[in-house]
Every structure is written in structure tokens, then in C-alpha cells.
Amino acid sequence: MANLLTSLSSAAGAMGAYEKAMEVVQNDTVNVNTPGYVKQSVVFQSLPFDLVGAQAGGVKAGQVLNSRDEYAEHNVQIQQTALGLSSALASHLAALQPAFDLQSTTGIAGSLNSLFSAFSQLTIAPNDAQARQSVISAASGLASAFNVTASSLADAGNAVDTDTRSAVANINQIVADIQKINTARRADAQENQDPSLDARLHVDLENLAQYAGFSTVQAQDGTVSVFMGNQRPLLIGTTQYAISAVTGSSTQILDSNGNDITANVSGGQLGALVQIRNPTLPQYQSQLDQMAQSVADTINIQLAAGVDQTGSPGAPLFTYNAAAPAKTLAATSITANQLAAAASGNPGGNDNAVVLSGIQNATIGTLGGFTLTQF
């Protein structure tokens, strides 16, 4: 009788083990389309077998394992970080590309061509009122082109600022969800084996990778700590350290204590946004201002070296505010007869107009020895 009861107990235990296995299979089937979910399996553990000691053997259900490869998951996260970086760079820089289209008949390139074409026509008819007015009109068009391009850079900066704040908010939101998972795991050891929580965690980590590079450390209690740039904590156990962004002429990423951690941001959308806002756009703006100022100064200086139709020194064609040359560049209120097409030694001639028309292909010291077109 004892052996019979032992055998029945063993059979019942085996049935329970297989019932658990069937639950796992059913769970796999139900969650086949669940993001982040991976196949689960039950580890069967053998029981002692000893007829003398009335131990009938059999199996019991052990730990539930998943088929997730953490190394592969880490590689996916790395690729997501790289994709987030390149996608954000491509998106924001593509929006700026039309402002610097060298093939365009408008914009700075086209407007420069129009101005120097007007100077070239002035060499043919230096005293023609229409030719003189064409130079003034072309100068106004060039100034407007610089203004529009400077405005495009400002708009690009505003767009980057908006996306930066959004990226920081998304990072904090994702980390907050991981914090909830950590809290659940710490409160109940069984939650460490919950496949839905495991799937949710890895979806969060994959989404987080789109925004910035990070590293993780898993504790024995199942909680996952997250560090930005492998140094700055975003989450330790169940304590979140939210970040914030200060935007404007440049971007700063601050930790929960207000410390500047911008240098720790790398990769992902946030890394791209910081890169665009801090070095890239200021460099573009600086070079745009450099060109606007060089165009205005070079032409104004050459005009001052000649004489207008009254024999007076040439009046300036451009004006600007030195604090923001490209944004404020404008044509002066010069009149057609004040345009210095002649040299002082040859009033009424075209000597100065010839020099002015040649500026387009001349190397300019303030542009590093490049011509306007090359720069």
C-alpha cells in the first residue's frame, strides 16, 4: 500500500510539473506578438528514487527560463543608439540644406551671382542709371538672402531645442517605468521570473537606447540600475535621478542636482541634438557672419576707393550690426549717382566697377584666403 501511495504521489507530482510546462507553452502562444517577449521554458528537476526508502522518484517543475540572449540584446541597444544618432542628425541637417544650396538661383549663392553680374554690367555702362540701380537692387537681394539664411539657422536651433526637451522628457518617462519594474521585482521575488515584466523591461531598454548611450547593472534582487554615458546614474535600484535640459544659444543637460552632465551624453537622439546645438549650429552661424561681414567690408572699402558721379568718394553699399552681421545685413540708402564706378583719376570711367566685379573671384584675407564662392 505504501509503495502504491508513493507511486501515485510521484505521478501526481509529474502531472503538476507537466501542467506547469503547459502553462508556459500557453503563455508563449498568447504572447507571440507581445513586444519584447521571448520564449519561456521550464527546467524539470528529477526527484530522488529509492524503493527501500519509499522514494519513487519522478520530476518536479523547476525554474522558468527564457531564451533571451543578453549579449544580443546589448548589441541591439548599441545599434539603436547609433540609429537614433544618425536619424536625428539627418533629419535636422536636411532641413538646413536648402539654405546652403550652391546650385540655387536664389539664396546666398544665387544672390552673390546676381550682384556681381550687376557689377559686370556696370563696367559696360558705368554711367547708366538703370545699371547703377540694378547694383543697388542686387545688393538688397543679397542682404535679404543672408537675413533669411540666418533666420533659417535660428529656426533650426528652435527646432533642436524643442526636440531636446522632448527627448529628455521621454528618457525620464522610460526610466520611471523601469523604476516601477524594479519596485515590483524587489517587493516579490516571484516577479523576477515574470515574463511580462522581463519583456517590458527590455522594451524599455531598447527604447531608451534610441535616445542616449547607457549602461546597466543588474543586482541580485533583480533590479536594474541605469547609467548615462556609463557614469551618471539615471536609476539605482528603485531611486530615479531625473535629468533636465537648459536650452537656448546652447544646450546643457543637467542631473537631478543641477550639475552639468552634457559631456556624458553620447549617441542616440539626445547626443545628436546636443551635437547640432552646441558645436554645429554656432559654427555655421559664425561662418555665415564671417562671410556677410567680409562681403560688406570688401565691397564698401572698394567703393570708398573710387568716386561717384559727382566726384565724391564712394558711399557704402552695405550696413550691418557687428554683433550679428548676417542677421542685420542691409543695403544702405545709397542713391544711383552715389555708386562709385569710377576711379579718382578717371571720373566718369569704369575703373572701380572693373575691380568690384572681380571681387567675386578674388581671394579674401578675412575668409582665410578663399574666394567668396569657395568659402
Protein backbone atom coordinates (compact mmCIF):
# COMPACT_ATOMS: atom_id res chain seq x y z
CA MET A 1 0.00 0.00 0.00
CA ALA A 2 2.83 2.39 0.85
CA ASN A 3 4.50 1.77 -2.48
CA LEU A 4 1.21 2.41 -4.26
CA LEU A 5 0.71 5.70 -2.47
CA THR A 6 4.28 6.67 -3.23
CA SER A 7 3.80 5.88 -6.90
CA LEU A 8 0.56 7.84 -7.02
CA SER A 9 2.24 10.79 -5.33
CA SER A 10 5.07 10.65 -7.86
CA ALA A 11 2.60 10.52 -10.73
CA ALA A 12 0.66 13.45 -9.30
CA GLY A 13 3.88 15.44 -8.97
CA ALA A 14 4.81 14.67 -12.56
CA MET A 15 1.34 15.72 -13.71
CA GLY A 16 1.76 19.00 -11.85
CA ALA A 17 5.16 19.56 -13.47
CA TYR A 18 3.76 18.98 -16.93
CA GLU A 19 0.77 21.18 -16.12
CA LYS A 20 3.24 23.97 -15.31
CA ALA A 21 5.04 23.28 -18.59
CA MET A 22 1.74 23.51 -20.49
CA GLU A 23 1.02 26.87 -18.81
CA VAL A 24 4.37 28.16 -20.03
CA VAL A 25 3.65 26.90 -23.56
CA GLN A 26 0.23 28.54 -23.46
CA ASN A 27 1.83 31.77 -22.23
CA ASP A 28 4.32 31.63 -25.12
CA THR A 29 1.48 31.20 -27.61
CA VAL A 30 -0.61 34.04 -26.21
CA ASN A 31 2.37 36.42 -26.17
CA VAL A 32 3.86 35.52 -29.54
CA ASN A 33 3.22 39.09 -30.77
CA THR A 34 3.97 40.86 -27.49
CA PRO A 35 6.87 43.33 -27.95
CA GLY A 36 9.98 42.22 -26.11
CA TYR A 37 8.60 38.80 -25.20
CA VAL A 38 10.83 35.74 -25.71
CA LYS A 39 10.10 32.04 -25.50
CA GLN A 40 9.97 30.55 -21.98
CA SER A 41 10.80 27.01 -20.88
CA VAL A 42 10.51 25.04 -17.65
CA VAL A 43 13.51 23.25 -16.18
CA PHE A 44 12.42 19.84 -14.90
CA GLN A 45 14.20 18.60 -11.79
CA SER A 46 14.47 14.91 -11.01
CA LEU A 47 13.38 13.64 -7.58
CA PRO A 48 15.25 11.02 -5.55
CA PHE A 49 14.43 7.38 -6.35
CA ASP A 50 14.82 4.80 -3.58
CA LEU A 51 12.44 1.83 -3.25
CA VAL A 52 13.72 0.97 0.18
CA GLY A 53 13.27 4.50 1.40
CA ALA A 54 9.89 4.81 -0.31
CA GLN A 55 11.17 7.50 -2.66
CA ALA A 56 9.51 6.89 -6.00
CA GLY A 57 11.44 9.49 -8.00
CA GLY A 58 9.71 11.44 -10.73
CA VAL A 59 10.09 15.10 -11.68
CA LYS A 60 9.01 18.49 -10.46
CA ALA A 61 8.81 21.85 -12.18
CA GLY A 62 11.89 23.97 -11.52
CA GLN A 63 12.89 27.44 -12.63
CA VAL A 64 11.22 29.03 -15.64
CA LEU A 65 13.91 30.22 -18.06
CA ASN A 66 13.62 32.41 -21.10
CA SER A 67 15.57 32.15 -24.32
CA ARG A 68 16.74 35.76 -24.22
CA ASP A 69 20.37 36.37 -25.17
CA GLU A 70 21.51 39.38 -23.16
CA TYR A 71 24.59 39.78 -25.35
CA ALA A 72 22.38 40.02 -28.42
CA GLU A 73 20.08 42.43 -26.57
CA HIS A 74 23.07 44.63 -25.75
CA ASN A 75 24.13 44.68 -29.40
CA VAL A 76 20.60 45.65 -30.45
CA GLN A 77 20.70 48.52 -27.96
CA ILE A 78 24.04 49.70 -29.36
CA GLN A 79 22.62 49.70 -32.88
CA GLN A 80 19.51 51.53 -31.69
CA THR A 81 21.74 54.22 -30.17
CA ALA A 82 23.65 54.59 -33.44
CA LEU A 83 20.39 54.70 -35.42
CA GLY A 84 18.94 57.36 -33.12
CA LEU A 85 22.06 59.49 -33.56
CA SER A 86 22.21 59.25 -37.36
CA SER A 87 18.45 59.69 -37.82
CA ALA A 88 18.33 62.87 -35.72
CA LEU A 89 21.39 64.30 -37.46
CA ALA A 90 19.98 63.53 -40.90
CA SER A 91 16.58 64.98 -40.07
CA HIS A 92 17.78 68.30 -38.67
CA LEU A 93 20.64 68.88 -41.10
CA ALA A 94 18.46 68.01 -44.10
CA ALA A 95 16.13 70.83 -43.06
CA LEU A 96 19.08 73.24 -43.30
CA GLN A 97 20.41 72.01 -46.63
CA PRO A 98 18.20 74.23 -48.84
CA ALA A 99 19.60 77.32 -47.10
CA PHE A 100 23.09 76.44 -48.37
CA ASP A 101 22.24 75.14 -51.84
CA LEU A 102 25.09 76.29 -54.10
CA GLN A 103 23.09 75.37 -57.22
CA SER A 104 20.14 77.55 -56.29
CA THR A 105 19.37 80.71 -58.25
CA THR A 106 18.17 82.22 -55.01
CA GLY A 107 19.78 82.19 -51.58
CA ILE A 108 23.27 83.49 -50.90
CA ALA A 109 24.95 81.75 -53.83
CA GLY A 110 22.41 82.93 -56.37
CA SER A 111 22.27 86.43 -54.89
CA LEU A 112 26.06 86.76 -55.00
CA ASN A 113 25.98 85.85 -58.67
CA SER A 114 23.29 88.45 -59.27
CA LEU A 115 25.27 91.19 -57.51
CA PHE A 116 28.50 90.53 -59.38
CA SER A 117 26.60 90.19 -62.64
CA ALA A 118 25.24 93.68 -61.94
CA PHE A 119 28.77 94.95 -61.26
CA SER A 120 29.85 93.37 -64.56
CA GLN A 121 27.08 95.22 -66.40
CA LEU A 122 28.20 98.41 -64.67
CA THR A 123 31.64 98.05 -66.26
CA ILE A 124 29.94 98.23 -69.66
CA ALA A 125 27.72 101.21 -68.87
CA PRO A 126 29.21 102.90 -65.79
CA ASN A 127 27.03 105.99 -66.10
CA ASP A 128 23.77 104.27 -66.97
CA ALA A 129 21.15 104.95 -64.28
CA GLN A 130 19.46 101.58 -64.77
CA ALA A 131 22.76 99.68 -64.48
CA ARG A 132 23.54 101.57 -61.30
CA GLN A 133 20.11 100.86 -59.82
CA SER A 134 20.50 97.17 -60.70
CA VAL A 135 23.58 97.03 -58.45
CA ILE A 136 21.64 98.56 -55.55
CA SER A 137 18.73 96.17 -56.05
CA ALA A 138 21.06 93.16 -56.23
CA ALA A 139 22.76 94.32 -53.02
CA SER A 140 19.39 94.46 -51.31
CA GLY A 141 18.64 90.95 -52.56
CA LEU A 142 21.94 89.63 -51.24
CA ALA A 143 21.37 91.21 -47.83
CA SER A 144 17.93 89.60 -47.72
CA ALA A 145 19.44 86.22 -48.60
CA PHE A 146 21.84 86.48 -45.65
CA ASN A 147 18.94 87.53 -43.40
CA VAL A 148 16.85 84.55 -44.49
CA THR A 149 19.72 82.11 -44.00
CA ALA A 150 20.42 83.50 -40.53
CA SER A 151 16.73 83.11 -39.77
CA SER A 152 16.86 79.51 -41.02
CA LEU A 153 19.69 78.79 -38.58
CA ALA A 154 17.67 80.35 -35.76
CA ASP A 155 14.63 78.26 -36.69
CA ALA A 156 16.81 75.16 -36.79
CA GLY A 157 18.05 75.97 -33.30
CA ASN A 158 14.48 76.35 -32.03
CA ALA A 159 13.54 73.00 -33.55
CA VAL A 160 16.53 71.36 -31.88
CA ASP A 161 15.57 72.92 -28.55
CA THR A 162 12.03 71.56 -28.83
CA ASP A 163 13.24 68.06 -29.68
CA THR A 164 15.84 68.19 -26.90
CA ARG A 165 13.21 68.91 -24.26
CA SER A 166 11.04 66.13 -25.71
CA ALA A 167 13.94 63.66 -25.69
CA VAL A 168 14.77 64.45 -22.05
CA ALA A 169 11.11 64.02 -21.08
CA ASN A 170 10.98 60.65 -22.88
CA ILE A 171 14.17 59.48 -21.18
CA ASN A 172 12.74 60.34 -17.77
CA GLN A 173 9.46 58.62 -18.62
CA ILE A 174 11.16 55.41 -19.76
CA VAL A 175 13.42 55.32 -16.71
CA ALA A 176 10.36 55.89 -14.49
CA ASP A 177 8.80 52.75 -15.95
CA ILE A 178 11.97 50.75 -15.29
CA GLN A 179 11.83 52.07 -11.73
CA LYS A 180 8.31 50.62 -11.40
CA ILE A 181 9.57 47.26 -12.68
CA ASN A 182 12.40 47.37 -10.12
CA THR A 183 9.92 48.14 -7.34
CA ALA A 184 7.78 45.15 -8.33
CA ARG A 185 10.77 42.83 -8.51
CA ARG A 186 12.14 43.97 -5.17
CA ALA A 187 8.75 43.54 -3.49
CA ASP A 188 8.23 39.98 -4.73
CA ALA A 189 10.98 37.57 -5.72
CA GLN A 190 8.49 35.78 -7.99
CA GLU A 191 8.32 38.93 -10.11
CA ASN A 192 11.93 38.26 -11.17
CA GLN A 193 10.59 35.37 -13.26
CA ASP A 194 7.55 37.23 -14.59
CA PRO A 195 7.95 37.04 -18.39
CA SER A 196 5.71 40.07 -18.96
CA LEU A 197 7.88 42.23 -16.69
CA ASP A 198 11.00 40.90 -18.39
CA ALA A 199 9.55 41.78 -21.81
CA ARG A 200 8.53 45.23 -20.57
CA LEU A 201 12.00 45.86 -19.16
CA HIS A 202 13.76 45.02 -22.41
CA VAL A 203 11.34 47.07 -24.49
CA ASP A 204 12.11 49.99 -22.18
CA LEU A 205 15.85 49.48 -22.54
CA GLU A 206 15.59 49.25 -26.32
CA ASN A 207 13.50 52.44 -26.43
CA LEU A 208 15.90 54.20 -24.08
CA ALA A 209 18.79 53.28 -26.39
CA GLN A 210 17.20 55.38 -29.14
CA TYR A 211 17.74 58.50 -27.04
CA ALA A 212 21.18 58.06 -25.47
CA GLY A 213 24.01 55.66 -24.78
CA PHE A 214 23.82 54.00 -21.36
CA SER A 215 24.97 51.02 -19.34
CA THR A 216 23.08 48.78 -16.92
CA VAL A 217 23.94 46.80 -13.81
CA GLN A 218 21.59 44.09 -12.52
CA ALA A 219 21.52 43.40 -8.78
CA GLN A 220 20.81 40.06 -7.11
CA ASP A 221 17.28 41.18 -6.25
CA GLY A 222 16.55 41.56 -9.97
CA THR A 223 16.58 45.36 -10.04
CA VAL A 224 18.37 47.04 -12.93
CA SER A 225 20.36 50.25 -12.43
CA VAL A 226 20.87 52.55 -15.43
CA PHE A 227 23.79 54.92 -16.01
CA MET A 228 24.03 57.52 -18.78
CA GLY A 229 27.37 57.57 -20.54
CA ASN A 230 28.46 54.72 -18.22
CA GLN A 231 28.87 57.22 -15.37
CA ARG A 232 25.87 59.34 -14.46
CA PRO A 233 23.05 57.47 -12.69
CA LEU A 234 19.56 57.68 -14.11
CA LEU A 235 18.29 54.90 -11.86
CA ILE A 236 19.81 52.99 -8.95
CA GLY A 237 17.56 50.25 -7.64
CA THR A 238 14.22 51.93 -7.01
CA THR A 239 15.56 55.51 -6.91
CA GLN A 240 15.29 57.56 -10.09
CA TYR A 241 17.57 60.52 -10.85
CA ALA A 242 15.69 62.61 -13.40
CA ILE A 243 17.61 64.79 -15.84
CA SER A 244 16.63 68.16 -17.29
CA ALA A 245 17.62 70.36 -20.23
CA VAL A 246 18.54 74.03 -20.40
CA THR A 247 18.11 75.23 -23.97
CA GLY A 248 18.86 78.47 -25.76
CA SER A 249 22.01 79.60 -27.52
CA SER A 250 23.48 76.27 -26.38
CA THR A 251 22.21 73.12 -24.70
CA GLN A 252 23.03 71.89 -21.22
CA ILE A 253 21.87 68.57 -19.80
CA LEU A 254 21.64 68.66 -16.01
CA ASP A 255 21.46 65.83 -13.49
CA SER A 256 18.96 65.73 -10.62
CA ASN A 257 21.24 68.00 -8.57
CA GLY A 258 21.60 70.59 -11.32
CA ASN A 259 25.12 69.53 -12.30
CA ASP A 260 26.09 69.87 -15.96
CA ILE A 261 26.41 66.35 -17.42
CA THR A 262 26.33 67.35 -21.10
CA ALA A 263 29.75 65.77 -21.61
CA ASN A 264 28.31 62.41 -20.52
CA VAL A 265 25.66 62.43 -23.24
CA SER A 266 26.73 60.37 -26.22
CA GLY A 267 24.88 58.68 -29.03
CA GLY A 268 21.15 58.47 -29.59
CA GLN A 269 18.81 61.29 -30.47
CA LEU A 270 19.86 63.37 -27.47
CA GLY A 271 23.53 63.03 -28.37
CA ALA A 272 22.76 64.21 -31.92
CA LEU A 273 20.70 67.16 -30.68
CA VAL A 274 23.46 68.28 -28.33
CA GLN A 275 25.99 67.94 -31.14
CA ILE A 276 23.88 70.02 -33.54
CA ARG A 277 23.02 72.73 -31.00
CA ASN A 278 26.39 73.17 -29.39
CA PRO A 279 29.21 72.92 -31.95
CA THR A 280 27.44 72.61 -35.32
CA LEU A 281 24.91 75.47 -35.45
CA PRO A 282 27.22 78.01 -33.74
CA GLN A 283 29.96 77.15 -36.27
CA TYR A 284 27.52 77.63 -39.15
CA GLN A 285 26.35 80.93 -37.70
CA SER A 286 29.91 82.13 -37.10
CA GLN A 287 30.96 81.34 -40.66
CA LEU A 288 27.80 82.93 -42.05
CA ASP A 289 28.50 86.10 -40.07
CA GLN A 290 32.12 85.99 -41.20
CA MET A 291 31.06 85.84 -44.83
CA ALA A 292 28.40 88.55 -44.52
CA GLN A 293 30.87 90.91 -42.86
CA SER A 294 33.60 90.15 -45.39
CA VAL A 295 31.27 90.76 -48.36
CA ALA A 296 30.08 94.07 -46.90
CA ASP A 297 33.51 95.31 -45.81
CA THR A 298 35.32 94.31 -49.01
CA ILE A 299 32.77 95.97 -51.28
CA ASN A 300 32.40 99.07 -49.07
CA ILE A 301 36.16 99.56 -48.89
CA GLN A 302 36.50 99.28 -52.67
CA LEU A 303 33.62 101.71 -53.21
CA ALA A 304 35.30 104.21 -50.87
CA ALA A 305 38.44 103.97 -53.05
CA GLY A 306 36.51 105.22 -56.10
CA VAL A 307 34.41 108.26 -56.90
CA ASP A 308 30.73 108.71 -57.70
CA GLN A 309 29.18 110.77 -60.48
CA THR A 310 29.75 113.99 -58.54
CA GLY A 311 33.44 113.24 -57.99
CA SER A 312 32.92 112.49 -54.29
CA PRO A 313 34.34 109.35 -52.57
CA GLY A 314 32.02 106.38 -52.99
CA ALA A 315 29.31 105.79 -50.37
CA PRO A 316 28.98 102.37 -48.67
CA LEU A 317 26.60 99.86 -50.24
CA PHE A 318 26.07 97.72 -47.12
CA THR A 319 25.47 98.26 -43.43
CA TYR A 320 25.25 95.75 -40.55
CA ASN A 321 25.41 95.35 -36.81
CA ALA A 322 28.76 93.82 -35.87
CA ALA A 323 27.08 91.69 -33.19
CA ALA A 324 25.05 89.82 -35.84
CA PRO A 325 26.26 90.65 -39.37
CA ALA A 326 24.24 88.08 -41.31
CA LYS A 327 21.01 88.77 -39.45
CA THR A 328 21.28 92.56 -39.78
CA LEU A 329 22.98 92.96 -43.17
CA ALA A 330 21.12 95.52 -45.29
CA ALA A 331 21.66 97.77 -48.28
CA THR A 332 22.24 101.39 -47.35
CA SER A 333 20.12 104.28 -48.60
CA ILE A 334 22.72 104.94 -51.30
CA THR A 335 21.39 106.56 -54.48
CA ALA A 336 22.33 105.53 -58.01
CA ASN A 337 24.57 108.56 -58.60
CA GLN A 338 26.48 107.85 -55.36
CA LEU A 339 27.69 104.50 -56.64
CA ALA A 340 31.46 104.79 -57.22
CA ALA A 341 32.01 103.11 -60.60
CA ALA A 342 35.00 105.30 -61.47
CA ALA A 343 38.49 105.71 -60.10
CA SER A 344 39.54 109.08 -58.71
CA GLY A 345 41.96 109.61 -61.58
CA ASN A 346 39.36 108.92 -64.24
CA PRO A 347 35.98 110.42 -63.30
CA GLY A 348 33.11 109.01 -65.33
CA GLY A 349 35.07 105.86 -66.18
CA ASN A 350 34.59 102.23 -65.18
CA ASP A 351 37.90 101.50 -63.44
CA ASN A 352 36.39 100.91 -59.99
CA ALA A 353 33.49 98.91 -61.42
CA VAL A 354 36.02 96.53 -63.01
CA VAL A 355 37.69 95.98 -59.64
CA LEU A 356 34.30 95.49 -57.95
CA SER A 357 33.23 92.88 -60.49
CA GLY A 358 36.48 90.98 -59.89
CA ILE A 359 35.90 90.64 -56.14
CA GLN A 360 33.81 87.51 -56.72
CA ASN A 361 36.88 85.55 -57.82
CA ALA A 362 39.45 87.32 -55.66
CA THR A 363 40.91 85.69 -52.54
CA ILE A 364 39.84 87.50 -49.38
CA GLY A 365 42.05 87.57 -46.30
CA THR A 366 39.18 87.65 -43.81
CA LEU A 367 37.89 84.42 -45.37
CA GLY A 368 41.16 82.59 -44.88
CA GLY A 369 42.38 83.26 -48.38
CA PHE A 370 39.33 81.69 -50.04
CA THR A 371 37.21 83.38 -52.67
CA LEU A 372 33.58 84.08 -51.81
CA THR A 373 32.41 81.11 -53.87
CA GLN A 374 34.98 78.78 -52.33
CA PHE A 375 34.12 79.87 -48.82
